[in-house]
N, C-alpha and C. Protein backbone atom coordinates (compact mmCIF):
# COMPACT_ATOMS: atom_id res chain seq x y z
N MET A 1 56.66 89.83 79.15
CA MET A 1 57.40 91.05 78.63
C MET A 1 58.15 91.75 79.68
N ALA A 2 59.62 91.67 79.57
CA ALA A 2 60.38 92.33 80.51
C ALA A 2 60.14 93.90 80.57
N THR A 3 60.36 94.35 81.73
CA THR A 3 60.33 95.73 81.86
C THR A 3 61.62 96.38 82.20
N SER A 4 61.81 97.38 81.61
CA SER A 4 63.27 98.00 81.73
C SER A 4 62.97 99.19 82.49
N GLN A 5 63.98 99.80 83.05
CA GLN A 5 64.13 100.91 83.77
C GLN A 5 64.49 102.13 82.81
N VAL A 6 63.81 103.03 83.11
CA VAL A 6 63.96 104.30 82.02
C VAL A 6 64.48 105.37 82.96
N GLU A 7 65.77 105.75 82.28
CA GLU A 7 66.30 106.79 82.91
C GLU A 7 66.06 108.02 82.24
N THR A 8 65.62 109.02 83.07
CA THR A 8 65.14 110.43 82.66
C THR A 8 66.27 111.36 82.25
N VAL A 9 66.16 112.09 81.24
CA VAL A 9 67.00 112.92 80.90
C VAL A 9 66.87 114.26 81.23
N GLY A 10 67.94 114.76 81.87
CA GLY A 10 68.15 116.12 82.51
C GLY A 10 67.44 117.20 81.64
N SER A 11 66.65 118.17 82.43
CA SER A 11 66.16 119.17 81.88
C SER A 11 67.08 120.23 81.53
N GLY A 12 66.72 121.26 80.83
CA GLY A 12 67.50 122.34 80.48
C GLY A 12 67.88 123.20 81.86
N LEU A 13 66.78 123.29 82.70
CA LEU A 13 67.15 123.99 83.94
C LEU A 13 68.15 123.30 84.74
N ASP A 14 68.10 121.93 84.74
CA ASP A 14 69.31 121.22 85.68
C ASP A 14 70.53 121.34 84.83
N LYS A 15 70.51 121.44 83.66
CA LYS A 15 72.05 121.72 82.96
C LYS A 15 72.45 122.97 83.30
N LEU A 16 71.35 124.08 83.15
CA LEU A 16 71.90 125.36 83.71
C LEU A 16 72.38 125.56 85.11
N LYS A 17 71.81 124.85 85.96
CA LYS A 17 72.13 124.72 87.43
C LYS A 17 73.52 124.23 87.49
N LEU A 18 73.68 123.03 86.90
CA LEU A 18 74.98 122.61 86.84
C LEU A 18 76.08 123.35 86.33
N ALA A 19 75.88 124.08 85.11
CA ALA A 19 76.88 125.20 84.81
C ALA A 19 77.05 126.15 85.64
N ALA A 20 75.93 126.55 86.17
CA ALA A 20 76.17 127.68 87.20
C ALA A 20 77.04 127.32 88.47
N ALA A 21 76.74 125.98 88.77
CA ALA A 21 77.77 125.45 90.00
C ALA A 21 79.11 125.51 89.47
N VAL A 22 79.47 124.96 88.40
CA VAL A 22 80.82 124.73 88.01
C VAL A 22 81.36 126.24 87.85
N ILE A 23 80.77 127.19 87.31
CA ILE A 23 80.97 128.57 87.11
C ILE A 23 81.49 129.10 88.44
N LEU A 24 80.74 128.92 89.59
CA LEU A 24 80.87 129.40 91.03
C LEU A 24 81.92 128.85 91.58
N LEU A 25 82.28 127.62 91.12
CA LEU A 25 83.32 126.95 91.89
C LEU A 25 84.66 127.45 91.07
N LEU A 26 84.74 127.46 89.86
CA LEU A 26 85.68 128.35 89.14
C LEU A 26 86.01 129.80 89.48
N ALA A 27 85.06 130.38 89.89
CA ALA A 27 85.05 131.90 90.27
C ALA A 27 85.66 132.01 91.48
N GLY A 28 85.40 130.81 92.42
CA GLY A 28 86.02 130.92 93.85
C GLY A 28 87.39 130.52 93.75
N PHE A 29 87.87 129.80 92.90
CA PHE A 29 89.39 129.48 92.78
C PHE A 29 90.21 130.83 91.99
N VAL A 30 89.32 131.44 91.10
CA VAL A 30 89.98 132.71 90.45
C VAL A 30 90.07 133.73 91.62
N ALA A 31 88.93 134.22 92.46
CA ALA A 31 88.90 134.99 93.60
C ALA A 31 90.14 134.65 94.67
N PHE A 32 90.27 133.35 94.89
CA PHE A 32 91.20 132.82 95.80
C PHE A 32 92.45 133.15 95.52
N TYR A 33 93.02 133.11 94.18
CA TYR A 33 94.19 133.25 93.46
C TYR A 33 94.46 134.72 93.34
N SER A 34 93.37 135.57 92.69
CA SER A 34 93.50 136.89 92.37
C SER A 34 93.62 137.89 93.56
N LEU A 35 93.04 137.32 94.69
CA LEU A 35 93.18 138.04 96.03
C LEU A 35 94.27 137.91 96.96
N SER A 36 95.50 137.32 96.39
CA SER A 36 96.69 136.91 97.22
C SER A 36 97.19 138.34 97.56
N ALA A 37 96.99 139.40 97.24
CA ALA A 37 97.61 140.51 97.91
C ALA A 37 96.81 140.90 99.34
N HIS A 38 95.66 140.35 99.30
CA HIS A 38 94.75 140.75 100.45
C HIS A 38 94.92 139.99 101.49
N GLY A 39 94.40 139.97 102.52
CA GLY A 39 94.45 138.93 103.95
C GLY A 39 93.90 137.49 103.54
N GLY A 40 94.00 136.77 104.11
CA GLY A 40 93.84 135.22 104.15
C GLY A 40 92.39 135.13 104.36
N LEU A 41 91.84 135.87 105.37
CA LEU A 41 90.44 135.84 105.61
C LEU A 41 89.65 136.15 104.30
N LEU A 42 89.97 137.10 103.68
CA LEU A 42 89.14 137.44 102.53
C LEU A 42 89.37 136.41 101.40
N ARG A 43 90.54 135.78 100.97
CA ARG A 43 90.58 134.76 100.17
C ARG A 43 90.05 133.59 100.42
N TRP A 44 90.01 133.04 101.61
CA TRP A 44 89.36 131.87 101.92
C TRP A 44 87.87 131.99 102.25
N GLY A 45 87.52 133.16 102.54
CA GLY A 45 85.97 133.35 102.65
C GLY A 45 85.49 133.28 101.33
N SER A 46 86.12 134.02 100.24
CA SER A 46 85.60 134.03 98.99
C SER A 46 85.59 132.70 98.47
N LEU A 47 86.54 131.82 98.63
CA LEU A 47 86.58 130.19 98.19
C LEU A 47 85.62 129.49 98.84
N LEU A 48 85.39 129.67 100.03
CA LEU A 48 84.41 128.79 100.82
C LEU A 48 83.01 129.33 100.68
N LEU A 49 82.64 130.64 100.34
CA LEU A 49 81.40 131.13 100.06
C LEU A 49 80.99 130.53 98.57
N ALA A 50 81.90 130.66 97.51
CA ALA A 50 81.81 130.15 96.24
C ALA A 50 81.44 128.76 96.02
N LEU A 51 82.23 127.75 97.08
CA LEU A 51 82.08 126.55 97.18
C LEU A 51 80.86 126.24 98.00
N ALA A 52 80.32 127.03 98.70
CA ALA A 52 79.03 126.59 99.34
C ALA A 52 77.83 126.91 98.60
N LEU A 53 78.07 127.95 97.72
CA LEU A 53 76.90 128.22 96.76
C LEU A 53 77.01 127.12 95.72
N ALA A 54 78.00 126.74 95.27
CA ALA A 54 77.97 125.68 94.24
C ALA A 54 77.30 124.47 94.54
N ILE A 55 77.66 124.12 95.96
CA ILE A 55 77.24 122.83 96.46
C ILE A 55 76.04 122.74 96.55
N ALA A 56 75.05 124.16 96.99
CA ALA A 56 73.78 124.35 97.14
C ALA A 56 73.16 124.20 95.79
N ILE A 57 73.74 124.84 94.77
CA ILE A 57 73.07 124.88 93.71
C ILE A 57 73.22 123.48 93.10
N PHE A 58 74.22 122.62 93.15
CA PHE A 58 74.17 121.45 92.63
C PHE A 58 73.21 120.59 93.17
N PHE A 59 72.83 120.66 94.63
CA PHE A 59 72.01 119.67 95.15
C PHE A 59 70.50 120.10 94.85
N THR A 60 70.21 121.11 94.23
CA THR A 60 68.96 121.46 93.88
C THR A 60 68.76 120.95 92.43
N ALA A 61 69.73 120.66 91.61
CA ALA A 61 69.56 120.03 90.38
C ALA A 61 69.14 118.40 90.48
N GLN A 62 68.82 117.80 89.38
CA GLN A 62 68.38 116.38 89.59
C GLN A 62 69.54 115.55 89.83
N PRO A 63 70.74 115.73 89.32
CA PRO A 63 71.86 114.90 89.60
C PRO A 63 72.48 115.09 91.07
N GLY A 64 72.15 116.21 91.60
CA GLY A 64 72.40 116.37 93.10
C GLY A 64 71.37 115.79 93.98
N ARG A 65 69.99 115.67 93.53
CA ARG A 65 69.18 115.04 94.33
C ARG A 65 69.27 113.51 94.12
N ASP A 66 69.59 112.79 93.05
CA ASP A 66 69.90 111.67 92.88
C ASP A 66 71.14 111.30 93.56
N LEU A 67 72.17 112.14 93.81
CA LEU A 67 73.37 111.74 94.72
C LEU A 67 72.95 111.79 96.17
N TRP A 68 72.04 112.71 96.58
CA TRP A 68 71.63 112.74 97.95
C TRP A 68 70.97 111.44 98.18
N GLY A 69 69.90 111.18 97.37
CA GLY A 69 69.19 109.79 97.55
C GLY A 69 69.96 108.63 97.52
N PHE A 70 71.12 108.70 96.74
CA PHE A 70 71.90 107.34 96.78
C PHE A 70 72.66 107.23 98.12
N GLY A 71 73.11 108.45 98.68
CA GLY A 71 73.90 108.53 100.08
C GLY A 71 72.98 108.00 101.03
N ARG A 72 71.71 108.35 100.91
CA ARG A 72 70.64 108.13 101.96
C ARG A 72 70.36 106.55 102.06
N ASP A 73 70.23 106.02 100.64
CA ASP A 73 70.30 104.65 100.78
C ASP A 73 71.39 103.77 101.08
N ALA A 74 72.42 104.33 100.78
CA ALA A 74 73.76 103.68 101.20
C ALA A 74 73.72 103.44 102.79
N TRP A 75 73.39 104.79 103.27
CA TRP A 75 73.60 104.74 104.89
C TRP A 75 72.56 103.70 105.56
N ARG A 76 71.24 103.90 104.74
CA ARG A 76 70.25 102.84 105.39
C ARG A 76 70.69 101.50 105.28
N GLU A 77 71.50 100.99 104.22
CA GLU A 77 71.93 99.76 104.18
C GLU A 77 73.11 99.27 104.87
N VAL A 78 73.88 100.48 105.26
CA VAL A 78 75.09 100.27 106.34
C VAL A 78 74.32 99.93 107.58
N GLY A 79 73.08 100.49 107.87
CA GLY A 79 72.66 100.09 109.21
C GLY A 79 71.99 98.80 109.29
N LYS A 80 71.84 98.23 108.11
CA LYS A 80 71.15 96.63 108.12
C LYS A 80 72.38 95.70 108.27
N VAL A 81 73.79 96.01 108.09
CA VAL A 81 74.87 95.20 108.29
C VAL A 81 74.79 94.46 109.63
N VAL A 82 74.88 93.30 109.51
CA VAL A 82 75.28 92.59 110.84
C VAL A 82 76.61 92.42 110.85
N TRP A 83 77.25 93.12 112.03
CA TRP A 83 78.62 93.29 112.21
C TRP A 83 79.23 92.34 112.95
N PRO A 84 80.47 91.68 112.74
CA PRO A 84 80.71 90.58 113.45
C PRO A 84 81.35 91.01 114.94
N THR A 85 81.23 89.99 115.92
CA THR A 85 81.38 90.35 117.43
C THR A 85 82.94 90.56 117.48
N ARG A 86 83.42 90.93 118.66
CA ARG A 86 84.76 91.08 118.83
C ARG A 86 85.60 89.58 118.59
N ARG A 87 84.92 88.60 119.18
CA ARG A 87 85.57 87.33 119.41
C ARG A 87 85.66 86.87 117.82
N GLU A 88 84.69 86.80 117.10
CA GLU A 88 84.55 86.51 115.69
C GLU A 88 85.41 87.33 114.90
N SER A 89 85.83 88.43 114.98
CA SER A 89 86.80 89.10 114.40
C SER A 89 88.39 88.55 114.70
N ILE A 90 88.46 88.32 116.08
CA ILE A 90 89.73 87.94 116.32
C ILE A 90 89.92 86.65 115.95
N GLN A 91 88.94 85.84 115.83
CA GLN A 91 89.19 84.29 115.48
C GLN A 91 89.54 84.45 113.86
N MET A 92 88.96 85.28 113.13
CA MET A 92 89.10 85.34 111.74
C MET A 92 90.29 85.86 111.27
N THR A 93 90.91 87.01 112.32
CA THR A 93 92.12 87.42 112.02
C THR A 93 93.25 86.45 112.39
N LEU A 94 92.93 85.61 113.30
CA LEU A 94 93.95 84.43 113.63
C LEU A 94 93.88 83.40 112.59
N TYR A 95 92.98 83.15 112.04
CA TYR A 95 92.79 82.27 110.82
C TYR A 95 93.64 82.87 109.47
N VAL A 96 93.42 84.10 109.31
CA VAL A 96 94.11 84.42 108.31
C VAL A 96 95.56 84.66 108.61
N PHE A 97 95.95 85.03 109.79
CA PHE A 97 97.38 85.08 110.14
C PHE A 97 98.06 83.59 109.96
N GLY A 98 97.11 82.56 110.53
CA GLY A 98 97.88 81.40 110.33
C GLY A 98 97.92 80.70 109.06
N PHE A 99 97.07 81.07 108.11
CA PHE A 99 97.04 80.69 106.83
C PHE A 99 98.24 81.34 106.07
N ALA A 100 98.55 82.53 106.48
CA ALA A 100 99.82 83.41 105.83
C ALA A 100 100.94 82.49 106.20
N VAL A 101 101.07 82.11 107.50
CA VAL A 101 102.27 81.60 107.89
C VAL A 101 102.61 80.04 107.12
N VAL A 102 101.32 79.27 107.18
CA VAL A 102 101.59 78.16 106.63
C VAL A 102 101.77 78.12 105.02
N MET A 103 101.25 79.32 104.45
CA MET A 103 101.62 79.41 102.87
C MET A 103 102.93 80.09 102.86
N ALA A 104 103.41 80.72 103.70
CA ALA A 104 104.88 81.12 103.73
C ALA A 104 105.90 80.03 103.75
N LEU A 105 105.47 79.20 104.86
CA LEU A 105 106.31 77.83 104.90
C LEU A 105 106.37 77.11 103.80
N PHE A 106 105.11 76.74 103.14
CA PHE A 106 105.03 75.99 101.99
C PHE A 106 105.78 76.63 100.70
N LEU A 107 105.64 77.96 100.49
CA LEU A 107 106.49 78.55 99.54
C LEU A 107 107.89 78.57 99.82
N TRP A 108 108.27 78.66 100.97
CA TRP A 108 109.96 78.53 101.10
C TRP A 108 110.32 77.11 101.01
N LEU A 109 109.54 76.29 101.57
CA LEU A 109 110.06 74.65 101.08
C LEU A 109 110.10 74.27 99.67
N THR A 110 109.23 74.94 98.93
CA THR A 110 108.88 74.48 97.34
C THR A 110 110.17 75.41 96.81
N ASP A 111 110.57 76.55 97.28
CA ASP A 111 111.47 77.29 96.65
C ASP A 111 112.99 76.41 96.94
N LYS A 112 113.20 76.26 98.31
CA LYS A 112 114.36 75.46 98.46
C LYS A 112 114.59 74.14 97.79
N THR A 113 113.30 73.33 97.59
CA THR A 113 113.34 72.22 96.85
C THR A 113 113.91 72.19 95.58
N LEU A 114 113.06 73.20 94.91
CA LEU A 114 113.48 73.50 93.57
C LEU A 114 114.86 73.95 93.61
N GLU A 115 115.22 74.74 94.07
CA GLU A 115 116.89 75.24 94.32
C GLU A 115 117.70 74.03 94.29
N TRP A 116 117.54 73.02 95.26
CA TRP A 116 118.27 71.68 95.43
C TRP A 116 118.30 71.16 94.19
N VAL A 117 116.94 70.97 93.35
CA VAL A 117 117.01 70.09 92.57
C VAL A 117 117.70 70.85 91.15
N ILE A 118 117.58 71.91 91.03
CA ILE A 118 118.03 72.74 89.90
C ILE A 118 119.62 72.82 89.87
N PHE A 119 119.85 73.28 90.90
CA PHE A 119 121.48 73.76 91.13
C PHE A 119 122.17 72.67 91.72
N ASP A 120 121.85 71.64 92.38
CA ASP A 120 122.73 70.64 92.88
C ASP A 120 122.37 69.37 91.99
N LEU A 121 121.26 69.01 91.63
CA LEU A 121 121.11 67.60 90.95
C LEU A 121 121.27 67.96 89.45
N LEU A 122 120.76 68.76 88.94
CA LEU A 122 120.67 69.12 87.29
C LEU A 122 121.99 69.82 86.87
N LEU A 123 122.33 70.81 87.60
CA LEU A 123 123.40 71.80 87.05
C LEU A 123 124.76 71.35 87.84
N GLY A 124 124.77 70.80 88.81
CA GLY A 124 126.03 70.49 89.83
C GLY A 124 126.60 71.73 90.05
N TRP A 125 126.14 72.79 90.26
CA TRP A 125 126.93 74.02 90.51
C TRP A 125 127.47 73.93 91.98
N ARG A 126 126.88 73.49 92.80
CA ARG A 126 127.09 73.25 94.15
C ARG A 126 127.81 71.91 94.65
N LYS A 127 129.13 72.15 95.20
CA LYS A 127 129.76 70.99 95.68
C LYS A 127 129.97 70.90 96.92
């Protein structure tokens, strides 16, 4: 029998945390624009404070913890990658460049050949 991975449904508390994070984020934007008569420090401070609180609340909820775990796993996988040496990178770049030049010449020759066949031989437009 095959096993299937079961995804857990978020709890009510997680939904409440996500709603609070969204409300805080919106409140930060509202405060930023409603404090336009005041100094820039107060406007930006209120926006950044609301953003920081919204992020902190988001990362305490299950979707935030899942996102943090995904990022941690992705960073761990990047560490496992065997990156090419400088010599290998230059060689592959030259191969790609050479292939692009050969393909451009092939397409140009094909175009000129079809142009000659259609316009000169079939239609006789050029004399």
